[in-house]
Amino acid sequence: MERLLVVDGHSAIFAMDELRSLHQGPTRHLARLELTRRLRDLGDRSGWAVVVVFDGRRSERNFEGGREEGIMVVYSKGTETADAVVERIAARFAMKGDEVRVASNDRMVLTTALAFGATGIRIPDLERWMEEERR
């Protein structure tokens, strides 16, 4: 059984003060990189596999996934939202019996994840978890 953390990337960026300020203007890519680094550290320390999902609908990116910084980074494609991708990943792994934790501040995403058997945590709880693992 795998333990999988699925993170709603933009929800995390906009909930974390430092990342939100990085996301403004020409440094927005630095917010994604910093979130990815923090999540990689969490995965390394906790033993959880980590997937972070970003909304790619208005992006130049034309791919759905790849590995960056030791975690899986996924961008939604076409008309699909990042929320839908988070929900699909959570459903797929939870329904096969893996332990899945979804991190988002979007109540609908968390409710849907719970319906598929995943657990949901809000971004402040994710931040606390990251801090605890750093100690």
Protein backbone atom coordinates (compact mmCIF):
# COMPACT_ATOMS: atom_id res chain seq x y z
CA MET A 1 0.00 0.00 0.00
CA GLU A 2 1.37 3.37 -1.03
CA ARG A 3 0.96 6.61 0.90
CA LEU A 4 0.24 9.45 -1.50
CA LEU A 5 -0.10 13.18 -0.82
CA VAL A 6 -1.88 15.09 -3.59
CA VAL A 7 -1.53 18.88 -3.33
CA ASP A 8 -3.66 21.51 -5.04
CA GLY A 9 -0.70 23.67 -6.08
CA HIS A 10 -2.30 27.04 -6.58
CA SER A 11 -4.43 26.63 -3.47
CA ALA A 12 -1.19 26.11 -1.53
CA ILE A 13 0.59 29.04 -3.16
CA PHE A 14 -2.24 31.48 -2.45
CA ALA A 15 -2.59 30.26 1.16
CA MET A 16 1.10 30.67 2.05
CA ASP A 17 2.11 34.33 2.48
CA GLU A 18 5.67 33.95 1.23
CA LEU A 19 4.64 31.97 -1.84
CA ARG A 20 1.73 34.29 -2.61
CA SER A 21 4.09 37.29 -2.71
CA LEU A 22 6.54 35.38 -4.93
CA HIS A 23 3.67 34.54 -7.29
CA GLN A 24 3.05 38.21 -8.12
CA GLY A 25 4.63 39.63 -11.25
CA PRO A 26 7.55 38.13 -13.14
CA THR A 27 8.62 35.86 -10.27
CA ARG A 28 5.50 33.68 -10.33
CA HIS A 29 7.48 30.62 -11.45
CA LEU A 30 9.58 30.95 -8.28
CA ALA A 31 6.49 30.30 -6.17
CA ARG A 32 5.93 26.99 -7.95
CA LEU A 33 9.60 26.06 -7.58
CA GLU A 34 9.63 26.89 -3.86
CA LEU A 35 6.42 24.93 -3.23
CA THR A 36 7.89 21.99 -5.15
CA ARG A 37 11.08 22.16 -3.05
CA ARG A 38 9.11 22.22 0.21
CA LEU A 39 6.96 19.30 -0.88
CA ARG A 40 10.01 17.32 -1.98
CA ASP A 41 11.50 17.82 1.48
CA LEU A 42 8.24 16.69 3.08
CA GLY A 43 8.16 13.58 0.91
CA ASP A 44 11.80 12.76 1.66
CA ARG A 45 11.32 13.11 5.40
CA SER A 46 7.88 11.54 5.75
CA GLY A 47 8.12 8.71 3.25
CA TRP A 48 4.97 9.86 1.44
CA ALA A 49 4.93 10.00 -2.36
CA VAL A 50 3.93 13.53 -3.43
CA VAL A 51 1.99 14.80 -6.44
CA VAL A 52 1.42 18.54 -6.88
CA VAL A 53 -1.17 19.67 -9.43
CA PHE A 54 -1.22 23.09 -11.11
CA ASP A 55 -3.81 24.59 -13.41
CA GLY A 56 -2.32 24.56 -16.90
CA ARG A 57 -5.38 25.73 -18.84
CA ARG A 58 -3.97 29.13 -19.73
CA SER A 59 -0.39 27.96 -19.87
CA GLU A 60 1.97 27.32 -22.74
CA ARG A 61 2.56 23.85 -21.32
CA ASN A 62 1.18 21.03 -23.38
CA PHE A 63 1.89 18.10 -21.11
CA GLU A 64 0.22 16.53 -18.14
CA GLY A 65 3.11 15.54 -15.96
CA GLY A 66 6.74 15.15 -15.19
CA ARG A 67 9.19 14.80 -12.36
CA GLU A 68 10.69 17.91 -10.85
CA GLU A 69 12.67 18.03 -7.63
CA GLY A 70 11.88 14.38 -6.84
CA ILE A 71 8.09 14.68 -6.86
CA MET A 72 5.47 14.34 -9.56
CA VAL A 73 4.34 17.71 -10.94
CA VAL A 74 1.14 17.65 -12.99
CA TYR A 75 -0.42 20.43 -15.06
CA SER A 76 -4.05 20.18 -16.12
CA LYS A 77 -4.66 20.17 -19.87
CA GLY A 78 -7.17 21.85 -22.14
CA THR A 79 -10.43 22.70 -20.46
CA GLU A 80 -9.75 20.49 -17.43
CA THR A 81 -9.17 22.21 -14.10
CA ALA A 82 -6.48 21.35 -11.60
CA ASP A 83 -9.29 20.52 -9.16
CA ALA A 84 -10.58 17.82 -11.52
CA VAL A 85 -7.08 16.33 -11.84
CA VAL A 86 -6.60 16.32 -8.04
CA GLU A 87 -9.96 14.57 -7.63
CA ARG A 88 -9.19 12.01 -10.36
CA ILE A 89 -5.79 11.12 -8.86
CA ALA A 90 -7.25 10.85 -5.36
CA ALA A 91 -10.06 8.61 -6.59
CA ARG A 92 -7.77 6.34 -8.60
CA PHE A 93 -5.36 5.64 -5.75
CA ALA A 94 -7.85 5.60 -2.86
CA MET A 95 -10.12 3.17 -4.69
CA LYS A 96 -7.25 0.72 -5.13
CA GLY A 97 -6.58 0.80 -1.39
CA ASP A 98 -3.71 3.26 -1.11
CA GLU A 99 -3.63 5.79 1.70
CA VAL A 100 -4.32 9.13 0.03
CA ARG A 101 -4.21 12.57 1.61
CA VAL A 102 -5.40 15.61 -0.38
CA ALA A 103 -4.21 19.10 0.61
CA SER A 104 -6.33 22.03 -0.57
CA ASN A 105 -8.26 24.99 0.76
CA ASP A 106 -11.06 24.25 -1.71
CA ARG A 107 -13.92 22.69 0.25
CA MET A 108 -15.36 20.98 -2.83
CA VAL A 109 -12.03 19.30 -3.64
CA LEU A 110 -11.74 18.04 -0.06
CA THR A 111 -15.35 16.82 0.00
CA THR A 112 -14.91 14.95 -3.28
CA ALA A 113 -11.65 13.40 -2.05
CA LEU A 114 -13.41 12.21 1.11
CA ALA A 115 -16.16 10.65 -1.00
CA PHE A 116 -13.53 8.51 -2.73
CA GLY A 117 -11.94 7.39 0.54
CA ALA A 118 -9.06 9.85 0.75
CA THR A 119 -8.47 12.12 3.72
CA GLY A 120 -8.38 15.85 3.28
CA ILE A 121 -6.27 18.50 4.96
CA ARG A 122 -6.34 22.25 4.59
CA ILE A 123 -3.21 24.12 3.58
CA PRO A 124 -2.46 25.45 7.10
CA ASP A 125 -2.40 21.80 8.26
CA LEU A 126 -0.04 20.97 5.40
CA GLU A 127 2.25 23.81 6.51
CA ARG A 128 2.26 22.48 10.08
CA TRP A 129 3.06 18.99 8.81
CA MET A 130 5.98 20.36 6.77
CA GLU A 131 7.26 22.22 9.82
CA GLU A 132 6.97 19.13 12.06
CA GLU A 133 8.91 17.02 9.55
CA ARG A 134 11.70 19.63 9.43
CA ARG A 135 12.33 19.21 13.18
